[in-house]
C-alpha atoms as a PDB file:
ATOM      1  CA  MET A   1     133.963  33.234 111.620  1.00  0.00           C
ATOM      2  CA  ARG A   2     136.513  34.937 113.537  1.00  0.00           C
ATOM      3  CA  GLU A   3     135.131  38.629 111.847  1.00  0.00           C
ATOM      4  CA  GLU A   4     131.887  37.453 113.553  1.00  0.00           C
ATOM      5  CA  ARG A   5     133.159  36.849 116.620  1.00  0.00           C
ATOM      6  CA  THR A   6     135.601  39.602 116.772  1.00  0.00           C
ATOM      7  CA  ALA A   7     132.527  42.398 116.752  1.00  0.00           C
ATOM      8  CA  ALA A   8     130.286  40.735 118.905  1.00  0.00           C
ATOM      9  CA  PHE A   9     132.802  41.271 121.452  1.00  0.00           C
ATOM     10  CA  ILE A  10     133.448  44.583 120.544  1.00  0.00           C
ATOM     11  CA  ARG A  11     129.466  45.134 120.670  1.00  0.00           C
ATOM     12  CA  SER A  12     129.733  44.112 124.063  1.00  0.00           C
ATOM     13  CA  LEU A  13     131.597  46.511 125.275  1.00  0.00           C
ATOM     14  CA  ASP A  14     129.713  48.800 124.132  1.00  0.00           C
ATOM     15  CA  GLN A  15     127.944  51.355 126.888  1.00  0.00           C
ATOM     16  CA  GLY A  16     125.281  51.859 124.076  1.00  0.00           C
ATOM     17  CA  ASN A  17     123.186  54.994 123.622  1.00  0.00           C
ATOM     18  CA  THR A  18     120.040  55.964 125.726  1.00  0.00           C
ATOM     19  CA  SER A  19     117.050  54.906 126.209  1.00  0.00           C
ATOM     20  CA  PHE A  20     115.307  56.814 123.755  1.00  0.00           C
ATOM     21  CA  LEU A  21     117.502  56.206 120.712  1.00  0.00           C
ATOM     22  CA  ASN A  22     117.548  52.859 121.586  1.00  0.00           C
ATOM     23  CA  GLU A  23     113.439  53.422 121.094  1.00  0.00           C
ATOM     24  CA  ILE A  24     114.323  55.231 118.320  1.00  0.00           C
ATOM     25  CA  GLU A  25     116.297  52.359 116.736  1.00  0.00           C
ATOM     26  CA  LYS A  26     114.349  49.746 117.009  1.00  0.00           C
ATOM     27  CA  GLU A  27     111.291  51.338 115.739  1.00  0.00           C
ATOM     28  CA  ALA A  28     113.054  52.150 112.655  1.00  0.00           C
ATOM     29  CA  ARG A  29     114.388  48.954 111.955  1.00  0.00           C
ATOM     30  CA  GLU A  30     111.018  47.549 112.749  1.00  0.00           C
ATOM     31  CA  ALA A  31     109.442  49.741 109.648  1.00  0.00           C
ATOM     32  CA  GLY A  32     112.635  48.640 107.956  1.00  0.00           C
ATOM     33  CA  VAL A  33     113.455  52.217 107.600  1.00  0.00           C
ATOM     34  CA  PRO A  34     117.748  51.781 107.363  1.00  0.00           C
ATOM     35  CA  VAL A  35     119.186  53.270 110.349  1.00  0.00           C
ATOM     36  CA  ILE A  36     123.296  53.754 111.066  1.00  0.00           C
ATOM     37  CA  ARG A  37     124.810  50.445 112.435  1.00  0.00           C
ATOM     38  CA  PRO A  38     126.186  49.730 115.993  1.00  0.00           C
ATOM     39  CA  GLU A  39     129.539  50.254 114.915  1.00  0.00           C
ATOM     40  CA  THR A  40     129.104  52.969 112.981  1.00  0.00           C
ATOM     41  CA  GLN A  41     127.223  54.936 116.103  1.00  0.00           C
ATOM     42  CA  ARG A  42     130.061  54.321 118.280  1.00  0.00           C
ATOM     43  CA  LEU A  43     132.613  55.823 115.986  1.00  0.00           C
ATOM     44  CA  LEU A  44     130.136  58.949 115.162  1.00  0.00           C
ATOM     45  CA  ARG A  45     130.158  59.324 118.937  1.00  0.00           C
ATOM     46  CA  PHE A  46     133.218  59.445 118.815  1.00  0.00           C
ATOM     47  CA  LEU A  47     133.953  61.601 116.137  1.00  0.00           C
ATOM     48  CA  LEU A  48     131.427  64.071 117.828  1.00  0.00           C
ATOM     49  CA  GLN A  49     133.381  63.809 120.882  1.00  0.00           C
ATOM     50  CA  MET A  50     136.859  64.470 119.025  1.00  0.00           C
ATOM     51  CA  GLN A  51     135.385  67.264 116.463  1.00  0.00           C
ATOM     52  CA  LYS A  52     133.465  69.451 119.019  1.00  0.00           C
ATOM     53  CA  PRO A  53     131.459  70.869 115.738  1.00  0.00           C
ATOM     54  CA  GLY A  54     129.159  74.030 116.423  1.00  0.00           C
ATOM     55  CA  ARG A  55     127.477  73.752 113.217  1.00  0.00           C
ATOM     56  CA  ILE A  56     126.185  69.925 111.557  1.00  0.00           C
ATOM     57  CA  LEU A  57     125.208  69.118 108.491  1.00  0.00           C
ATOM     58  CA  GLU A  58     122.959  65.878 107.665  1.00  0.00           C
ATOM     59  CA  ILE A  59     122.392  64.786 104.053  1.00  0.00           C
ATOM     60  CA  GLY A  60     120.013  62.098 104.467  1.00  0.00           C
ATOM     61  CA  CYS A  61     117.694  61.951 107.477  1.00  0.00           C
ATOM     62  CA  ALA A  62     115.420  59.145 106.803  1.00  0.00           C
ATOM     63  CA  VAL A  63     113.355  59.123 110.395  1.00  0.00           C
ATOM     64  CA  GLY A  64     115.938  61.649 112.752  1.00  0.00           C
ATOM     65  CA  PHE A  65     117.447  58.857 113.901  1.00  0.00           C
ATOM     66  CA  SER A  66     121.612  59.777 113.188  1.00  0.00           C
ATOM     67  CA  ALA A  67     120.441  63.977 113.729  1.00  0.00           C
ATOM     68  CA  LEU A  68     119.124  62.665 117.039  1.00  0.00           C
ATOM     69  CA  LEU A  69     122.330  60.697 118.095  1.00  0.00           C
ATOM     70  CA  MET A  70     124.344  63.563 116.994  1.00  0.00           C
ATOM     71  CA  SER A  71     122.561  66.406 119.002  1.00  0.00           C
ATOM     72  CA  GLU A  72     122.667  64.024 121.925  1.00  0.00           C
ATOM     73  CA  TYR A  73     126.310  64.039 122.036  1.00  0.00           C
ATOM     74  CA  ALA A  74     127.530  67.133 119.789  1.00  0.00           C
ATOM     75  CA  PRO A  75     128.819  69.763 122.333  1.00  0.00           C
ATOM     76  CA  GLU A  76     126.090  72.027 123.599  1.00  0.00           C
ATOM     77  CA  GLY A  77     124.631  75.262 121.619  1.00  0.00           C
ATOM     78  CA  SER A  78     125.156  72.973 118.588  1.00  0.00           C
ATOM     79  CA  ARG A  79     123.135  73.099 115.860  1.00  0.00           C
ATOM     80  CA  ILE A  80     121.743  70.548 113.035  1.00  0.00           C
ATOM     81  CA  THR A  81     120.628  71.073 109.466  1.00  0.00           C
ATOM     82  CA  THR A  82     119.795  67.678 107.858  1.00  0.00           C
ATOM     83  CA  ILE A  83     117.539  67.012 104.362  1.00  0.00           C
ATOM     84  CA  GLU A  84     115.343  64.525 103.167  1.00  0.00           C
ATOM     85  CA  ASN A  85     113.548  64.303 100.274  1.00  0.00           C
ATOM     86  CA  TYR A  86     110.679  61.010 100.751  1.00  0.00           C
ATOM     87  CA  GLU A  87     107.410  62.435 102.569  1.00  0.00           C
ATOM     88  CA  LYS A  88     106.758  59.412 104.645  1.00  0.00           C
ATOM     89  CA  ARG A  89     110.153  59.834 106.323  1.00  0.00           C
ATOM     90  CA  ILE A  90     109.798  63.573 106.697  1.00  0.00           C
ATOM     91  CA  ARG A  91     106.776  62.830 108.569  1.00  0.00           C
ATOM     92  CA  LYS A  92     108.540  60.913 110.818  1.00  0.00           C
ATOM     93  CA  ALA A  93     111.371  62.814 110.974  1.00  0.00           C
ATOM     94  CA  GLU A  94     109.765  65.733 112.571  1.00  0.00           C
ATOM     95  CA  GLU A  95     107.724  63.464 115.215  1.00  0.00           C
ATOM     96  CA  ASN A  96     110.221  61.990 116.633  1.00  0.00           C
ATOM     97  CA  PHE A  97     112.427  65.649 116.879  1.00  0.00           C
ATOM     98  CA  ALA A  98     109.297  66.791 118.459  1.00  0.00           C
ATOM     99  CA  ARG A  99     109.014  63.489 120.961  1.00  0.00           C
ATOM    100  CA  ALA A 100     112.832  64.601 122.048  1.00  0.00           C
ATOM    101  CA  GLY A 101     112.406  67.881 122.285  1.00  0.00           C
ATOM    102  CA  LYS A 102     115.140  69.020 119.671  1.00  0.00           C
ATOM    103  CA  GLU A 103     112.831  71.022 116.974  1.00  0.00           C
ATOM    104  CA  GLU A 104     114.631  74.337 118.339  1.00  0.00           C
ATOM    105  CA  LYS A 105     118.199  72.113 117.755  1.00  0.00           C
ATOM    106  CA  ILE A 106     117.695  70.268 114.728  1.00  0.00           C
ATOM    107  CA  THR A 107     116.618  71.963 111.343  1.00  0.00           C
ATOM    108  CA  LEU A 108     114.801  69.341 108.944  1.00  0.00           C
ATOM    109  CA  LEU A 109     115.450  70.664 105.127  1.00  0.00           C
ATOM    110  CA  LYS A 110     112.481  68.779 102.807  1.00  0.00           C
ATOM    111  CA  GLY A 111     113.509  68.096  98.954  1.00  0.00           C
ATOM    112  CA  ASP A 112     116.416  66.975  96.639  1.00  0.00           C
ATOM    113  CA  ALA A 113     119.890  67.728  98.299  1.00  0.00           C
ATOM    114  CA  ALA A 114     121.082  68.500  95.072  1.00  0.00           C
ATOM    115  CA  ASP A 115     118.599  71.380  94.877  1.00  0.00           C
ATOM    116  CA  LEU A 116     119.252  72.675  98.579  1.00  0.00           C
ATOM    117  CA  LEU A 117     122.811  71.960  98.944  1.00  0.00           C
ATOM    118  CA  LYS A 118     123.348  74.886  96.390  1.00  0.00           C
ATOM    119  CA  GLU A 119     120.851  77.045  98.375  1.00  0.00           C
ATOM    120  CA  LEU A 120     123.305  76.660 101.805  1.00  0.00           C
ATOM    121  CA  LYS A 121     125.566  78.410 103.114  1.00  0.00           C
ATOM    122  CA  GLY A 122     128.358  77.255 105.305  1.00  0.00           C
ATOM    123  CA  PRO A 123     130.878  76.827 107.067  1.00  0.00           C
ATOM    124  CA  TYR A 124     129.656  73.466 108.599  1.00  0.00           C
ATOM    125  CA  ASP A 125     132.220  72.004 111.306  1.00  0.00           C
ATOM    126  CA  LEU A 126     131.144  68.335 110.137  1.00  0.00           C
ATOM    127  CA  ILE A 127     129.159  66.504 107.583  1.00  0.00           C
ATOM    128  CA  PHE A 128     127.507  63.726 107.460  1.00  0.00           C
ATOM    129  CA  MET A 129     126.495  62.033 104.284  1.00  0.00           C
ATOM    130  CA  ASP A 130     123.886  59.273 104.416  1.00  0.00           C
ATOM    131  CA  ALA A 131     122.249  59.482 101.451  1.00  0.00           C
ATOM    132  CA  ALA A 132     121.563  57.754  97.688  1.00  0.00           C
ATOM    133  CA  LYS A 133     125.110  55.931  97.310  1.00  0.00           C
ATOM    134  CA  GLY A 134     124.859  56.736  93.994  1.00  0.00           C
ATOM    135  CA  GLN A 135     124.684  60.565  94.086  1.00  0.00           C
ATOM    136  CA  TYR A 136     127.922  61.234  96.441  1.00  0.00           C
ATOM    137  CA  LEU A 137     130.043  62.275  93.493  1.00  0.00           C
ATOM    138  CA  SER A 138     127.219  64.663  92.582  1.00  0.00           C
ATOM    139  CA  PHE A 139     127.140  65.939  95.781  1.00  0.00           C
ATOM    140  CA  LEU A 140     130.561  66.679  96.519  1.00  0.00           C
ATOM    141  CA  PRO A 141     131.543  69.846  94.933  1.00  0.00           C
ATOM    142  CA  GLU A 142     128.722  71.450  97.034  1.00  0.00           C
ATOM    143  CA  VAL A 143     129.867  69.767 100.252  1.00  0.00           C
ATOM    144  CA  MET A 144     133.658  70.538  99.776  1.00  0.00           C
ATOM    145  CA  ARG A 145     131.893  74.225  99.953  1.00  0.00           C
ATOM    146  CA  LEU A 146     130.029  74.117 102.744  1.00  0.00           C
ATOM    147  CA  LEU A 147     132.821  72.350 104.911  1.00  0.00           C
ATOM    148  CA  ALA A 148     134.394  74.166 107.016  1.00  0.00           C
ATOM    149  CA  PRO A 149     138.457  74.612 107.182  1.00  0.00           C
ATOM    150  CA  GLU A 150     139.792  71.916 109.263  1.00  0.00           C
ATOM    151  CA  GLY A 151     136.408  70.211 109.172  1.00  0.00           C
ATOM    152  CA  LEU A 152     135.082  66.782 108.750  1.00  0.00           C
ATOM    153  CA  LEU A 153     133.487  65.052 106.347  1.00  0.00           C
ATOM    154  CA  VAL A 154     131.893  61.404 107.096  1.00  0.00           C
ATOM    155  CA  SER A 155     130.522  59.541 104.435  1.00  0.00           C
ATOM    156  CA  ASP A 156     128.667  55.892 105.090  1.00  0.00           C
ATOM    157  CA  ASN A 157     128.282  52.554 103.384  1.00  0.00           C
ATOM    158  CA  VAL A 158     131.350  53.559 101.217  1.00  0.00           C
ATOM    159  CA  LEU A 159     131.945  49.524 100.664  1.00  0.00           C
ATOM    160  CA  GLN A 160     128.705  48.535  99.974  1.00  0.00           C
ATOM    161  CA  GLU A 161     128.517  45.043 101.288  1.00  0.00           C
ATOM    162  CA  GLY A 162     132.185  44.337 100.314  1.00  0.00           C
ATOM    163  CA  ASP A 163     130.596  44.920  96.384  1.00  0.00           C
ATOM    164  CA  ILE A 164     133.422  48.082  95.868  1.00  0.00           C
ATOM    165  CA  LEU A 165     135.902  45.217  96.317  1.00  0.00           C
ATOM    166  CA  GLU A 166     134.809  43.667  93.248  1.00  0.00           C
ATOM    167  CA  SER A 167     134.842  44.233  89.409  1.00  0.00           C
ATOM    168  CA  ARG A 168     131.835  45.574  87.691  1.00  0.00           C
ATOM    169  CA  TYR A 169     131.991  42.882  85.895  1.00  0.00           C
ATOM    170  CA  ALA A 170     130.753  41.144  89.057  1.00  0.00           C
ATOM    171  CA  VAL A 171     128.057  43.132  90.263  1.00  0.00           C
ATOM    172  CA  THR A 172     124.600  42.917  89.115  1.00  0.00           C
ATOM    173  CA  ARG A 173     124.174  44.946  86.738  1.00  0.00           C
ATOM    174  CA  ARG A 174     121.577  47.289  88.253  1.00  0.00           C
ATOM    175  CA  ASP A 175     124.577  48.187  90.775  1.00  0.00           C
ATOM    176  CA  ARG A 176     127.199  48.752  88.512  1.00  0.00           C
ATOM    177  CA  THR A 177     126.639  52.834  88.272  1.00  0.00           C
ATOM    178  CA  ILE A 178     125.919  53.036  91.613  1.00  0.00           C
ATOM    179  CA  HIS A 179     129.502  50.857  92.085  1.00  0.00           C
ATOM    180  CA  ALA A 180     131.243  52.762  89.996  1.00  0.00           C
ATOM    181  CA  ARG A 181     129.974  56.115  91.127  1.00  0.00           C
ATOM    182  CA  MET A 182     131.339  55.004  95.004  1.00  0.00           C
ATOM    183  CA  ARG A 183     134.163  54.242  93.594  1.00  0.00           C
ATOM    184  CA  GLU A 184     134.875  57.107  91.599  1.00  0.00           C
ATOM    185  CA  TYR A 185     134.284  58.793  95.325  1.00  0.00           C
ATOM    186  CA  LEU A 186     136.614  57.107  97.353  1.00  0.00           C
ATOM    187  CA  TYR A 187     139.280  57.605  94.567  1.00  0.00           C
ATOM    188  CA  GLN A 188     138.266  61.663  95.044  1.00  0.00           C
ATOM    189  CA  ILE A 189     138.215  61.787  98.584  1.00  0.00           C
ATOM    190  CA  THR A 190     141.524  60.046  98.909  1.00  0.00           C
ATOM    191  CA  HIS A 191     143.346  62.026  96.544  1.00  0.00           C
ATOM    192  CA  ASP A 192     142.074  65.276  96.641  1.00  0.00           C
ATOM    193  CA  PRO A 193     144.847  67.916  97.751  1.00  0.00           C
ATOM    194  CA  ARG A 194     142.475  69.445 100.117  1.00  0.00           C
ATOM    195  CA  LEU A 195     141.391  66.607 101.976  1.00  0.00           C
ATOM    196  CA  GLU A 196     143.172  63.771 104.476  1.00  0.00           C
ATOM    197  CA  THR A 197     141.082  60.594 103.742  1.00  0.00           C
ATOM    198  CA  VAL A 198     140.710  57.639 106.555  1.00  0.00           C
ATOM    199  CA  ILE A 199     138.242  54.409 104.918  1.00  0.00           C
ATOM    200  CA  LEU A 200     137.731  52.645 107.669  1.00  0.00           C
ATOM    201  CA  PRO A 201     135.985  48.591 107.555  1.00  0.00           C
ATOM    202  CA  VAL A 202     133.069  50.356 110.377  1.00  0.00           C
ATOM    203  CA  GLY A 203     129.702  48.724 109.944  1.00  0.00           C
ATOM    204  CA  ASP A 204     129.382  48.948 106.173  1.00  0.00           C
ATOM    205  CA  GLY A 205     132.331  51.218 105.347  1.00  0.00           C
ATOM    206  CA  VAL A 206     132.964  55.165 106.765  1.00  0.00           C
ATOM    207  CA  ALA A 207     135.506  57.519 104.950  1.00  0.00           C
ATOM    208  CA  ALA A 208     136.503  59.975 107.617  1.00  0.00           C
ATOM    209  CA  SER A 209     137.638  62.964 105.673  1.00  0.00           C
ATOM    210  CA  LYS A 210     139.452  65.958 107.333  1.00  0.00           C
ATOM    211  CA  MET A 211     140.107  69.269 105.460  1.00  0.00           C
ATOM    212  CA  ARG A 212     143.401  70.150 105.705  1.00  0.00           C
ATOM    213  CA  ASP A 213     144.347  73.559 106.941  1.00  0.00           C
ATOM    214  CA  MET A 214     146.132  74.572 103.940  1.00  0.00           C
ATOM    215  CA  PRO A 215     148.315  77.679 103.696  1.00  0.00           C
END
């Protein structure tokens, strides 16, 4: 109860997004499309202001809400590449980008991220990972290749509604593979000497990993 009251208090202090972003978020939630939680939105806005990325890569576009949020708060002249594999969401994302007049700033790549990542050329100053949670680990080698020196990797939903804290036998059988892969992903990004990583209990858990300036 105390945690819920704390979260509600923090939310009450937030100035929120633009009216257009609020509209896109409302439409997505009404359609049952997952979008990043308000706490994660605030964190992402803060990181964008701190990192000031020129090139941004998003893995998992959905209907384009996160890409539009980043385009709104990223520096002038920044460019966003986002990846989505689900045709119905691709059509809606394209519609939303057109409504916002952001077609020149946001490039939507259609297809499986496992294939598309191999074709991309970096570096990207910020990479936002918000795709199928069981795939984070398999995407990581290409993500590391694409991340700029001193670049920032932001991984969403890493706590899996608290399941990540449990033994694999305490989660449902169908979720055990995802559970194991996410645990391994978190181990990799916290033990990779190239990264400085912090895991934050924000939203459903966010990991922020900074590429170290290696000698």
